[in-house]
Amino acid sequence: MAAASDPKPASAVTSSTLNGGKTVEECQDMIRRSLRTPMVKFLKEHLEKAGCGFGENFIKAVHCENLVSGGYNRGDGIMVCSNYMRIQDEVNQVVIHELIHAYDDCRAANLDWANCAHHACSEIRAGHLSGDCHYKRELLRGFMKIRGHEQECVRRRVMKSVINNPYCSEAAAKDAMEAVWDVCYNDTAPFDRAP
């Protein structure tokens, strides 16, 4: 999720939710652990090289009302929805995905999250580069296609995110995704190639 589809933080809830989610405090500890992972360190380093370092509160755990795992908002940073996090890997994935949005926002001086094509491009990149669509994750979600699963997963997740953008209808989201697909899918910065 990116700026146009930010989660709406609820009041600070300190107990775990019925869905097995974590408390804000537990999730904040998981975020601290994710900051030590190689992928997060790499993205943080490249954000700093691009001129957009971040402080201690750039990534924060919040309780979310909307059914989303997290979001990035220019000026506010990254939110991880504690009540939808169950394990460390989920927190790591959200942090990585949202750091790619932050990187895109940093390197593109004119990125407009209300523009469906801009939003779709960052979602394509985040879905492709973060590992969101690794075949093991897809299998756990109940998608068991052997060939072509990764691009199909990225497309499905881009659509889910961009149609939540209040400026993008479903048709506009699909058109935007198709228009920017090749350029954005093949843009692997700051990686040499897709991890």
N, C-alpha and C. Protein backbone atom coordinates (compact mmCIF):
# COMPACT_ATOMS: atom_id res chain seq x y z
N MET A 1 0.84 -1.17 0.00
CA MET A 1 0.00 0.00 0.00
C MET A 1 0.89 1.24 0.00
N ALA A 2 0.42 2.25 -0.65
CA ALA A 2 1.20 3.49 -0.70
C ALA A 2 0.36 4.64 -0.20
N ALA A 3 0.83 5.82 -0.43
CA ALA A 3 0.25 7.02 0.16
C ALA A 3 -1.24 7.17 -0.07
N ALA A 4 -1.71 6.88 -1.24
CA ALA A 4 -3.12 7.13 -1.54
C ALA A 4 -4.03 6.13 -0.86
N SER A 5 -3.49 5.03 -0.36
CA SER A 5 -4.34 4.02 0.26
C SER A 5 -3.86 3.71 1.67
N ASP A 6 -3.50 4.75 2.39
CA ASP A 6 -2.96 4.58 3.72
C ASP A 6 -3.96 3.93 4.65
N PRO A 7 -3.42 3.13 5.60
CA PRO A 7 -4.31 2.61 6.63
C PRO A 7 -4.73 3.75 7.54
N LYS A 8 -5.88 3.62 8.11
CA LYS A 8 -6.36 4.63 9.05
C LYS A 8 -6.08 4.10 10.45
N PRO A 9 -5.09 4.69 11.14
CA PRO A 9 -4.78 4.19 12.48
C PRO A 9 -5.95 4.41 13.43
N ALA A 10 -6.23 3.41 14.23
CA ALA A 10 -7.26 3.53 15.26
C ALA A 10 -6.57 4.03 16.52
N SER A 11 -7.34 4.14 17.57
CA SER A 11 -6.71 4.53 18.82
C SER A 11 -5.69 3.46 19.20
N ALA A 12 -4.71 3.84 19.96
CA ALA A 12 -3.65 2.90 20.32
C ALA A 12 -4.24 1.75 21.13
N VAL A 13 -4.31 0.59 20.54
CA VAL A 13 -4.84 -0.59 21.19
C VAL A 13 -3.65 -1.40 21.68
N THR A 14 -3.69 -1.87 22.90
CA THR A 14 -2.54 -2.57 23.45
C THR A 14 -2.75 -4.07 23.58
N SER A 15 -3.93 -4.57 23.32
CA SER A 15 -4.11 -6.02 23.41
C SER A 15 -4.20 -6.61 22.02
N SER A 16 -3.80 -7.89 21.91
CA SER A 16 -3.86 -8.56 20.61
C SER A 16 -5.30 -8.68 20.16
N THR A 17 -5.49 -8.72 18.86
CA THR A 17 -6.85 -8.83 18.32
C THR A 17 -7.24 -10.29 18.18
N LEU A 18 -8.50 -10.52 17.91
CA LEU A 18 -9.00 -11.88 17.78
C LEU A 18 -8.39 -12.63 16.61
N ASN A 19 -7.91 -11.92 15.60
CA ASN A 19 -7.34 -12.60 14.44
C ASN A 19 -5.91 -13.06 14.68
N GLY A 20 -5.43 -12.95 15.91
CA GLY A 20 -4.09 -13.42 16.21
C GLY A 20 -3.03 -12.36 15.98
N GLY A 21 -3.43 -11.14 15.73
CA GLY A 21 -2.48 -10.07 15.50
C GLY A 21 -1.71 -9.73 16.76
N LYS A 22 -0.73 -8.87 16.59
CA LYS A 22 0.15 -8.45 17.68
C LYS A 22 -0.30 -7.12 18.27
N THR A 23 0.15 -6.88 19.49
CA THR A 23 -0.07 -5.56 20.08
C THR A 23 0.87 -4.58 19.39
N VAL A 24 0.62 -3.30 19.55
CA VAL A 24 1.49 -2.28 18.99
C VAL A 24 2.92 -2.46 19.53
N GLU A 25 3.03 -2.73 20.81
CA GLU A 25 4.35 -2.90 21.43
C GLU A 25 5.08 -4.11 20.86
N GLU A 26 4.38 -5.24 20.74
CA GLU A 26 5.00 -6.45 20.16
C GLU A 26 5.45 -6.19 18.73
N CYS A 27 4.61 -5.52 17.97
CA CYS A 27 4.93 -5.22 16.57
C CYS A 27 6.12 -4.27 16.48
N GLN A 28 6.20 -3.30 17.38
CA GLN A 28 7.33 -2.37 17.36
C GLN A 28 8.64 -3.13 17.60
N ASP A 29 8.62 -4.14 18.47
CA ASP A 29 9.79 -4.98 18.69
C ASP A 29 10.14 -5.76 17.41
N MET A 30 9.12 -6.24 16.71
CA MET A 30 9.34 -6.97 15.46
C MET A 30 9.91 -6.03 14.39
N ILE A 31 9.48 -4.78 14.36
CA ILE A 31 10.04 -3.80 13.43
C ILE A 31 11.52 -3.59 13.72
N ARG A 32 11.87 -3.48 15.00
CA ARG A 32 13.29 -3.32 15.37
C ARG A 32 14.11 -4.51 14.86
N ARG A 33 13.56 -5.71 14.96
CA ARG A 33 14.26 -6.90 14.44
C ARG A 33 14.38 -6.83 12.92
N SER A 34 13.34 -6.36 12.26
CA SER A 34 13.38 -6.30 10.79
C SER A 34 14.44 -5.32 10.30
N LEU A 35 14.72 -4.28 11.10
CA LEU A 35 15.75 -3.30 10.71
C LEU A 35 17.14 -3.91 10.66
N ARG A 36 17.30 -5.10 11.23
CA ARG A 36 18.60 -5.78 11.21
C ARG A 36 18.72 -6.79 10.07
N THR A 37 17.66 -6.97 9.27
CA THR A 37 17.72 -7.93 8.18
C THR A 37 18.49 -7.34 7.00
N PRO A 38 19.18 -8.18 6.22
CA PRO A 38 19.99 -7.67 5.11
C PRO A 38 19.21 -6.83 4.09
N MET A 39 18.02 -7.25 3.72
CA MET A 39 17.24 -6.53 2.72
C MET A 39 16.84 -5.15 3.23
N VAL A 40 16.40 -5.06 4.47
CA VAL A 40 16.00 -3.78 5.04
C VAL A 40 17.22 -2.87 5.17
N LYS A 41 18.34 -3.41 5.61
CA LYS A 41 19.58 -2.62 5.70
C LYS A 41 19.98 -2.07 4.33
N PHE A 42 19.87 -2.92 3.30
CA PHE A 42 20.20 -2.52 1.93
C PHE A 42 19.31 -1.36 1.48
N LEU A 43 18.00 -1.50 1.69
CA LEU A 43 17.07 -0.45 1.26
C LEU A 43 17.29 0.84 2.04
N LYS A 44 17.53 0.72 3.33
CA LYS A 44 17.79 1.90 4.16
C LYS A 44 19.05 2.63 3.65
N GLU A 45 20.10 1.87 3.34
CA GLU A 45 21.34 2.44 2.81
C GLU A 45 21.09 3.19 1.50
N HIS A 46 20.28 2.61 0.63
CA HIS A 46 20.02 3.25 -0.67
C HIS A 46 19.07 4.44 -0.54
N LEU A 47 18.20 4.42 0.43
CA LEU A 47 17.38 5.60 0.71
C LEU A 47 18.30 6.76 1.14
N GLU A 48 19.24 6.46 2.00
CA GLU A 48 20.18 7.48 2.47
C GLU A 48 21.04 8.00 1.32
N LYS A 49 21.51 7.09 0.45
CA LYS A 49 22.30 7.51 -0.71
C LYS A 49 21.50 8.41 -1.65
N ALA A 50 20.19 8.17 -1.70
CA ALA A 50 19.31 8.99 -2.55
C ALA A 50 18.93 10.31 -1.86
N GLY A 51 19.43 10.51 -0.65
CA GLY A 51 19.17 11.76 0.06
C GLY A 51 17.97 11.74 0.97
N CYS A 52 17.46 10.55 1.29
CA CYS A 52 16.25 10.44 2.10
C CYS A 52 16.44 9.48 3.27
N GLY A 53 17.36 9.80 4.13
CA GLY A 53 17.51 8.98 5.32
C GLY A 53 16.27 9.08 6.18
N PHE A 54 16.18 8.20 7.16
CA PHE A 54 15.01 8.29 8.02
C PHE A 54 15.39 8.12 9.49
N GLY A 55 14.61 8.77 10.31
CA GLY A 55 14.85 8.77 11.75
C GLY A 55 14.23 7.57 12.44
N GLU A 56 14.30 7.62 13.76
CA GLU A 56 13.87 6.51 14.59
C GLU A 56 12.38 6.19 14.46
N ASN A 57 11.54 7.18 14.23
CA ASN A 57 10.10 6.95 14.16
C ASN A 57 9.56 6.85 12.74
N PHE A 58 10.42 6.63 11.76
CA PHE A 58 9.97 6.55 10.36
C PHE A 58 9.10 5.32 10.13
N ILE A 59 9.41 4.23 10.82
CA ILE A 59 8.62 2.99 10.70
C ILE A 59 8.00 2.74 12.06
N LYS A 60 6.67 2.76 12.10
CA LYS A 60 6.01 2.59 13.39
C LYS A 60 4.84 1.61 13.31
N ALA A 61 4.63 0.94 14.41
CA ALA A 61 3.50 0.02 14.54
C ALA A 61 2.27 0.82 14.96
N VAL A 62 1.14 0.52 14.34
CA VAL A 62 -0.13 1.14 14.69
C VAL A 62 -1.22 0.07 14.64
N HIS A 63 -2.32 0.34 15.31
CA HIS A 63 -3.51 -0.50 15.21
C HIS A 63 -4.34 0.09 14.08
N CYS A 64 -4.71 -0.73 13.10
CA CYS A 64 -5.44 -0.23 11.92
C CYS A 64 -6.88 -0.71 11.91
N GLU A 65 -7.76 0.19 11.47
CA GLU A 65 -9.17 -0.16 11.29
C GLU A 65 -9.39 -0.88 9.97
N ASN A 66 -8.70 -0.45 8.92
CA ASN A 66 -8.86 -1.04 7.59
C ASN A 66 -8.11 -2.37 7.51
N LEU A 67 -8.59 -3.24 6.65
CA LEU A 67 -7.96 -4.55 6.46
C LEU A 67 -6.77 -4.40 5.51
N VAL A 68 -5.68 -3.82 6.02
CA VAL A 68 -4.43 -3.66 5.28
C VAL A 68 -3.29 -4.02 6.23
N SER A 69 -2.16 -4.36 5.66
CA SER A 69 -1.02 -4.74 6.50
C SER A 69 -0.12 -3.57 6.84
N GLY A 70 -0.20 -2.51 6.04
CA GLY A 70 0.64 -1.35 6.31
C GLY A 70 0.48 -0.32 5.23
N GLY A 71 1.28 0.73 5.32
CA GLY A 71 1.22 1.78 4.32
C GLY A 71 2.38 2.75 4.46
N TYR A 72 2.61 3.47 3.38
CA TYR A 72 3.62 4.53 3.37
C TYR A 72 2.90 5.84 3.10
N ASN A 73 3.27 6.87 3.82
CA ASN A 73 2.69 8.18 3.62
C ASN A 73 3.81 9.21 3.64
N ARG A 74 3.96 9.94 2.54
CA ARG A 74 5.00 10.97 2.44
C ARG A 74 4.90 11.90 3.64
N GLY A 75 5.99 12.12 4.29
CA GLY A 75 6.03 13.00 5.45
C GLY A 75 5.77 12.30 6.78
N ASP A 76 5.04 11.20 6.74
CA ASP A 76 4.75 10.46 7.98
C ASP A 76 5.57 9.18 8.10
N GLY A 77 6.00 8.62 6.98
CA GLY A 77 6.77 7.39 7.01
C GLY A 77 5.92 6.16 6.80
N ILE A 78 6.35 5.08 7.41
CA ILE A 78 5.75 3.76 7.20
C ILE A 78 4.99 3.34 8.45
N MET A 79 3.79 2.82 8.22
CA MET A 79 2.98 2.27 9.30
C MET A 79 2.84 0.77 9.06
N VAL A 80 3.04 -0.01 10.10
CA VAL A 80 2.82 -1.45 10.06
C VAL A 80 1.62 -1.73 10.96
N CYS A 81 0.61 -2.38 10.41
CA CYS A 81 -0.63 -2.62 11.14
C CYS A 81 -0.46 -3.83 12.07
N SER A 82 -0.21 -3.54 13.34
CA SER A 82 0.11 -4.58 14.32
C SER A 82 -0.98 -5.64 14.43
N ASN A 83 -2.24 -5.21 14.34
CA ASN A 83 -3.34 -6.15 14.53
C ASN A 83 -3.50 -7.15 13.39
N TYR A 84 -2.75 -6.98 12.30
CA TYR A 84 -2.78 -7.96 11.21
C TYR A 84 -1.45 -8.70 11.06
N MET A 85 -0.52 -8.47 11.97
CA MET A 85 0.77 -9.14 11.93
C MET A 85 0.75 -10.32 12.91
N ARG A 86 1.19 -11.47 12.45
CA ARG A 86 1.24 -12.65 13.31
C ARG A 86 2.68 -13.12 13.54
N ILE A 87 3.52 -13.04 12.48
CA ILE A 87 4.88 -13.57 12.59
C ILE A 87 5.89 -12.54 12.05
N GLN A 88 7.15 -12.75 12.40
CA GLN A 88 8.21 -11.82 12.01
C GLN A 88 8.30 -11.66 10.51
N ASP A 89 8.14 -12.73 9.75
CA ASP A 89 8.24 -12.65 8.29
C ASP A 89 7.23 -11.68 7.71
N GLU A 90 6.03 -11.63 8.27
CA GLU A 90 5.01 -10.70 7.77
C GLU A 90 5.45 -9.25 8.00
N VAL A 91 6.00 -8.97 9.16
CA VAL A 91 6.48 -7.62 9.45
C VAL A 91 7.61 -7.27 8.50
N ASN A 92 8.55 -8.20 8.31
CA ASN A 92 9.67 -7.95 7.39
C ASN A 92 9.16 -7.62 5.99
N GLN A 93 8.17 -8.37 5.52
CA GLN A 93 7.63 -8.15 4.17
C GLN A 93 6.98 -6.78 4.04
N VAL A 94 6.21 -6.39 5.03
CA VAL A 94 5.55 -5.08 4.99
C VAL A 94 6.62 -3.98 4.98
N VAL A 95 7.61 -4.09 5.84
CA VAL A 95 8.66 -3.07 5.92
C VAL A 95 9.40 -2.98 4.58
N ILE A 96 9.75 -4.10 3.99
CA ILE A 96 10.46 -4.10 2.71
C ILE A 96 9.59 -3.48 1.62
N HIS A 97 8.34 -3.91 1.52
CA HIS A 97 7.41 -3.40 0.50
C HIS A 97 7.28 -1.88 0.62
N GLU A 98 7.05 -1.41 1.84
CA GLU A 98 6.84 0.02 2.04
C GLU A 98 8.14 0.82 1.87
N LEU A 99 9.29 0.23 2.18
CA LEU A 99 10.56 0.92 1.93
C LEU A 99 10.79 1.13 0.43
N ILE A 100 10.30 0.22 -0.39
CA ILE A 100 10.40 0.41 -1.84
C ILE A 100 9.55 1.60 -2.27
N HIS A 101 8.36 1.74 -1.67
CA HIS A 101 7.55 2.94 -1.95
C HIS A 101 8.29 4.20 -1.50
N ALA A 102 8.90 4.16 -0.33
CA ALA A 102 9.64 5.32 0.18
C ALA A 102 10.81 5.65 -0.75
N TYR A 103 11.48 4.62 -1.24
CA TYR A 103 12.59 4.83 -2.18
C TYR A 103 12.07 5.48 -3.46
N ASP A 104 10.96 4.97 -4.00
CA ASP A 104 10.37 5.55 -5.21
C ASP A 104 10.01 7.01 -4.98
N ASP A 105 9.41 7.29 -3.83
CA ASP A 105 9.01 8.65 -3.50
C ASP A 105 10.23 9.57 -3.41
N CYS A 106 11.32 9.04 -2.90
CA CYS A 106 12.55 9.82 -2.75
C CYS A 106 13.21 10.11 -4.09
N ARG A 107 13.30 9.10 -4.94
CA ARG A 107 14.07 9.28 -6.18
C ARG A 107 13.28 9.97 -7.29
N ALA A 108 11.97 9.98 -7.21
CA ALA A 108 11.15 10.62 -8.24
C ALA A 108 10.61 11.94 -7.70
N ALA A 109 11.20 13.02 -8.13
CA ALA A 109 10.83 14.34 -7.61
C ALA A 109 9.36 14.68 -7.86
N ASN A 110 8.78 14.12 -8.90
CA ASN A 110 7.40 14.49 -9.26
C ASN A 110 6.40 13.37 -9.03
N LEU A 111 6.72 12.40 -8.17
CA LEU A 111 5.79 11.30 -7.93
C LEU A 111 4.51 11.84 -7.30
N ASP A 112 3.39 11.52 -7.91
CA ASP A 112 2.08 11.99 -7.46
C ASP A 112 1.23 10.77 -7.12
N TRP A 113 1.03 10.52 -5.82
CA TRP A 113 0.29 9.32 -5.40
C TRP A 113 -1.18 9.36 -5.84
N ALA A 114 -1.70 10.52 -6.22
CA ALA A 114 -3.07 10.61 -6.72
C ALA A 114 -3.13 10.22 -8.20
N ASN A 115 -1.99 10.14 -8.86
CA ASN A 115 -1.91 9.73 -10.26
C ASN A 115 -1.90 8.20 -10.30
N CYS A 116 -2.90 7.61 -10.95
CA CYS A 116 -3.04 6.15 -10.97
C CYS A 116 -1.81 5.46 -11.56
N ALA A 117 -1.22 6.02 -12.60
CA ALA A 117 -0.05 5.41 -13.23
C ALA A 117 1.16 5.46 -12.29
N HIS A 118 1.35 6.55 -11.59
CA HIS A 118 2.46 6.66 -10.64
C HIS A 118 2.28 5.64 -9.51
N HIS A 119 1.07 5.59 -8.98
CA HIS A 119 0.78 4.66 -7.88
C HIS A 119 0.98 3.22 -8.37
N ALA A 120 0.44 2.90 -9.54
CA ALA A 120 0.56 1.54 -10.09
C ALA A 120 2.02 1.17 -10.29
N CYS A 121 2.82 2.10 -10.78
CA CYS A 121 4.24 1.82 -11.02
C CYS A 121 4.94 1.45 -9.72
N SER A 122 4.73 2.22 -8.68
CA SER A 122 5.38 1.91 -7.41
C SER A 122 4.88 0.59 -6.84
N GLU A 123 3.60 0.30 -7.02
CA GLU A 123 3.06 -0.99 -6.55
C GLU A 123 3.64 -2.16 -7.34
N ILE A 124 3.82 -1.99 -8.65
CA ILE A 124 4.43 -3.03 -9.47
C ILE A 124 5.84 -3.31 -8.95
N ARG A 125 6.60 -2.24 -8.76
CA ARG A 125 7.98 -2.38 -8.29
C ARG A 125 8.02 -3.03 -6.90
N ALA A 126 7.17 -2.56 -6.00
CA ALA A 126 7.17 -3.10 -4.64
C ALA A 126 6.76 -4.57 -4.62
N GLY A 127 5.76 -4.92 -5.41
CA GLY A 127 5.32 -6.31 -5.48
C GLY A 127 6.39 -7.22 -6.07
N HIS A 128 7.06 -6.73 -7.10
CA HIS A 128 8.07 -7.52 -7.80
C HIS A 128 9.37 -7.63 -7.00
N LEU A 129 9.79 -6.56 -6.37
CA LEU A 129 11.12 -6.52 -5.74
C LEU A 129 11.12 -6.95 -4.27
N SER A 130 9.97 -6.92 -3.62
CA SER A 130 9.93 -7.20 -2.18
C SER A 130 9.88 -8.67 -1.83
N GLY A 131 9.53 -9.51 -2.77
CA GLY A 131 9.34 -10.92 -2.46
C GLY A 131 7.91 -11.24 -2.07
N ASP A 132 7.01 -10.24 -2.15
CA ASP A 132 5.59 -10.47 -1.82
C ASP A 132 5.02 -11.65 -2.59
N CYS A 133 5.50 -11.84 -3.80
CA CYS A 133 4.90 -12.83 -4.69
C CYS A 133 5.77 -14.08 -4.89
N HIS A 134 6.66 -14.33 -3.94
CA HIS A 134 7.45 -15.56 -3.99
C HIS A 134 6.49 -16.74 -3.98
N TYR A 135 6.84 -17.80 -4.70
CA TYR A 135 5.90 -18.91 -4.87
C TYR A 135 5.47 -19.53 -3.53
N LYS A 136 6.34 -19.54 -2.52
CA LYS A 136 5.97 -20.11 -1.22
C LYS A 136 4.88 -19.26 -0.56
N ARG A 137 4.98 -17.94 -0.68
CA ARG A 137 3.95 -17.07 -0.10
C ARG A 137 2.63 -17.26 -0.85
N GLU A 138 2.72 -17.38 -2.15
CA GLU A 138 1.52 -17.59 -2.96
C GLU A 138 0.85 -18.92 -2.60
N LEU A 139 1.65 -19.94 -2.40
CA LEU A 139 1.13 -21.25 -2.02
C LEU A 139 0.38 -21.15 -0.68
N LEU A 140 0.96 -20.42 0.26
CA LEU A 140 0.31 -20.24 1.56
C LEU A 140 -1.00 -19.43 1.45
N ARG A 141 -1.10 -18.60 0.42
CA ARG A 141 -2.33 -17.83 0.20
C ARG A 141 -3.38 -18.65 -0.56
N GLY A 142 -3.00 -19.84 -1.00
CA GLY A 142 -3.93 -20.70 -1.72
C GLY A 142 -3.86 -20.57 -3.23
N PHE A 143 -2.82 -19.90 -3.74
CA PHE A 143 -2.64 -19.79 -5.19
C PHE A 143 -1.54 -20.77 -5.59
N MET A 144 -1.93 -21.80 -6.37
CA MET A 144 -1.00 -22.88 -6.63
C MET A 144 -0.58 -23.00 -8.09
N LYS A 145 -0.59 -21.94 -8.80
CA LYS A 145 -0.17 -21.97 -10.19
C LYS A 145 1.35 -22.14 -10.25
N ILE A 146 1.82 -23.02 -11.11
CA ILE A 146 3.26 -23.30 -11.19
C ILE A 146 3.98 -22.27 -12.06
N ARG A 147 3.47 -22.05 -13.26
CA ARG A 147 4.13 -21.11 -14.18
C ARG A 147 3.41 -19.76 -14.21
N GLY A 148 4.20 -18.70 -14.24
CA GLY A 148 3.63 -17.36 -14.36
C GLY A 148 3.00 -16.83 -13.10
N HIS A 149 3.23 -17.51 -11.98
CA HIS A 149 2.57 -17.08 -10.74
C HIS A 149 3.03 -15.69 -10.30
N GLU A 150 4.31 -15.37 -10.48
CA GLU A 150 4.84 -14.13 -9.93
C GLU A 150 4.20 -12.91 -10.57
N GLN A 151 4.16 -12.85 -11.89
CA GLN A 151 3.55 -11.70 -12.56
C GLN A 151 2.06 -11.64 -12.29
N GLU A 152 1.41 -12.79 -12.25
CA GLU A 152 -0.03 -12.82 -11.96
C GLU A 152 -0.29 -12.29 -10.55
N CYS A 153 0.55 -12.68 -9.61
CA CYS A 153 0.43 -12.21 -8.23
C CYS A 153 0.67 -10.70 -8.16
N VAL A 154 1.71 -10.22 -8.81
CA VAL A 154 1.99 -8.78 -8.79
C VAL A 154 0.79 -8.02 -9.35
N ARG A 155 0.26 -8.46 -10.48
CA ARG A 155 -0.90 -7.80 -11.09
C ARG A 155 -2.10 -7.78 -10.12
N ARG A 156 -2.37 -8.92 -9.50
CA ARG A 156 -3.51 -9.01 -8.57
C ARG A 156 -3.32 -8.04 -7.40
N ARG A 157 -2.11 -7.98 -6.86
CA ARG A 157 -1.85 -7.14 -5.69
C ARG A 157 -1.81 -5.65 -6.07
N VAL A 158 -1.32 -5.34 -7.27
CA VAL A 158 -1.34 -3.95 -7.74
C VAL A 158 -2.78 -3.48 -7.85
N MET A 159 -3.62 -4.29 -8.46
CA MET A 159 -5.03 -3.90 -8.62
C MET A 159 -5.70 -3.71 -7.27
N LYS A 160 -5.44 -4.61 -6.34
CA LYS A 160 -6.04 -4.51 -5.00
C LYS A 160 -5.66 -3.18 -4.34
N SER A 161 -4.43 -2.78 -4.50
CA SER A 161 -3.96 -1.54 -3.88
C SER A 161 -4.45 -0.30 -4.62
N VAL A 162 -4.29 -0.27 -5.93
CA VAL A 162 -4.60 0.95 -6.68
C VAL A 162 -6.10 1.23 -6.70
N ILE A 163 -6.95 0.22 -6.69
CA ILE A 163 -8.40 0.50 -6.66
C ILE A 163 -8.82 1.07 -5.30
N ASN A 164 -7.97 0.93 -4.28
CA ASN A 164 -8.25 1.57 -3.00
C ASN A 164 -7.84 3.04 -2.99
N ASN A 165 -7.16 3.47 -4.04
CA ASN A 165 -6.79 4.88 -4.18
C ASN A 165 -8.07 5.64 -4.55
N PRO A 166 -8.48 6.62 -3.77
CA PRO A 166 -9.73 7.32 -4.06
C PRO A 166 -9.75 8.03 -5.42
N TYR A 167 -8.59 8.21 -6.04
CA TYR A 167 -8.52 8.87 -7.34
C TYR A 167 -8.56 7.88 -8.51
N CYS A 168 -8.63 6.59 -8.22
CA CYS A 168 -8.53 5.58 -9.27
C CYS A 168 -9.71 4.61 -9.25
N SER A 169 -10.49 4.62 -10.30
CA SER A 169 -11.56 3.62 -10.45
C SER A 169 -10.89 2.31 -10.81
N GLU A 170 -11.64 1.23 -10.81
CA GLU A 170 -11.08 -0.06 -11.19
C GLU A 170 -10.57 -0.03 -12.64
N ALA A 171 -11.34 0.59 -13.53
CA ALA A 171 -10.92 0.68 -14.93
C ALA A 171 -9.66 1.53 -15.06
N ALA A 172 -9.61 2.64 -14.35
CA ALA A 172 -8.42 3.52 -14.41
C ALA A 172 -7.21 2.80 -13.84
N ALA A 173 -7.40 2.03 -12.77
CA ALA A 173 -6.30 1.27 -12.17
C ALA A 173 -5.76 0.24 -13.14
N LYS A 174 -6.66 -0.48 -13.80
CA LYS A 174 -6.23 -1.51 -14.77
C LYS A 174 -5.51 -0.87 -15.95
N ASP A 175 -6.07 0.20 -16.49
CA ASP A 175 -5.43 0.90 -17.61
C ASP A 175 -4.06 1.43 -17.22
N ALA A 176 -3.96 2.00 -16.03
CA ALA A 176 -2.68 2.55 -15.56
C ALA A 176 -1.65 1.43 -15.39
N MET A 177 -2.06 0.33 -14.78
CA MET A 177 -1.15 -0.79 -14.58
C MET A 177 -0.63 -1.32 -15.92
N GLU A 178 -1.52 -1.50 -16.87
CA GLU A 178 -1.10 -2.02 -18.18
C GLU A 178 -0.18 -1.03 -18.90
N ALA A 179 -0.47 0.26 -18.77
CA ALA A 179 0.32 1.28 -19.47
C ALA A 179 1.76 1.33 -18.97
N VAL A 180 1.97 1.09 -17.68
CA VAL A 180 3.32 1.25 -17.11
C VAL A 180 4.00 -0.09 -16.82
N TRP A 181 3.32 -1.19 -17.07
CA TRP A 181 3.81 -2.51 -16.65
C TRP A 181 5.25 -2.77 -17.07
N ASP A 182 5.54 -2.74 -18.35
CA ASP A 182 6.87 -3.14 -18.83
C ASP A 182 7.99 -2.30 -18.23
N VAL A 183 7.81 -0.98 -18.25
CA VAL A 183 8.85 -0.09 -17.73
C VAL A 183 9.04 -0.33 -16.24
N CYS A 184 7.96 -0.39 -15.50
CA CYS A 184 8.06 -0.47 -14.04
C CYS A 184 8.46 -1.86 -13.56
N TYR A 185 7.99 -2.90 -14.20
CA TYR A 185 8.37 -4.26 -13.83
C TYR A 185 9.86 -4.49 -14.05
N ASN A 186 10.39 -3.88 -15.08
CA ASN A 186 11.81 -4.05 -15.41
C ASN A 186 12.73 -3.06 -14.70
N ASP A 187 12.16 -2.11 -13.97
CA ASP A 187 12.94 -1.17 -13.19
C ASP A 187 13.24 -1.81 -11.83
N THR A 188 14.47 -2.24 -11.65
CA THR A 188 14.82 -2.96 -10.43
C THR A 188 15.62 -2.13 -9.44
N ALA A 189 15.78 -0.83 -9.70
CA ALA A 189 16.55 0.02 -8.77
C ALA A 189 15.94 -0.04 -7.38
N PRO A 190 16.73 -0.06 -6.34
CA PRO A 190 18.19 0.07 -6.29
C PRO A 190 18.94 -1.24 -6.46
N PHE A 191 18.23 -2.31 -6.79
CA PHE A 191 18.87 -3.61 -7.00
C PHE A 191 19.43 -3.69 -8.42
N ASP A 192 20.47 -4.49 -8.61
CA ASP A 192 21.00 -4.74 -9.96
C ASP A 192 20.00 -5.54 -10.78
N ARG A 193 19.33 -6.45 -10.10
CA ARG A 193 18.29 -7.28 -10.72
C ARG A 193 17.28 -7.63 -9.64
N ALA A 194 16.14 -8.14 -10.02
CA ALA A 194 15.12 -8.48 -9.03
C ALA A 194 15.66 -9.53 -8.05
N PRO A 195 15.53 -9.27 -6.75
CA PRO A 195 16.05 -10.22 -5.75
C PRO A 195 15.31 -11.54 -5.78
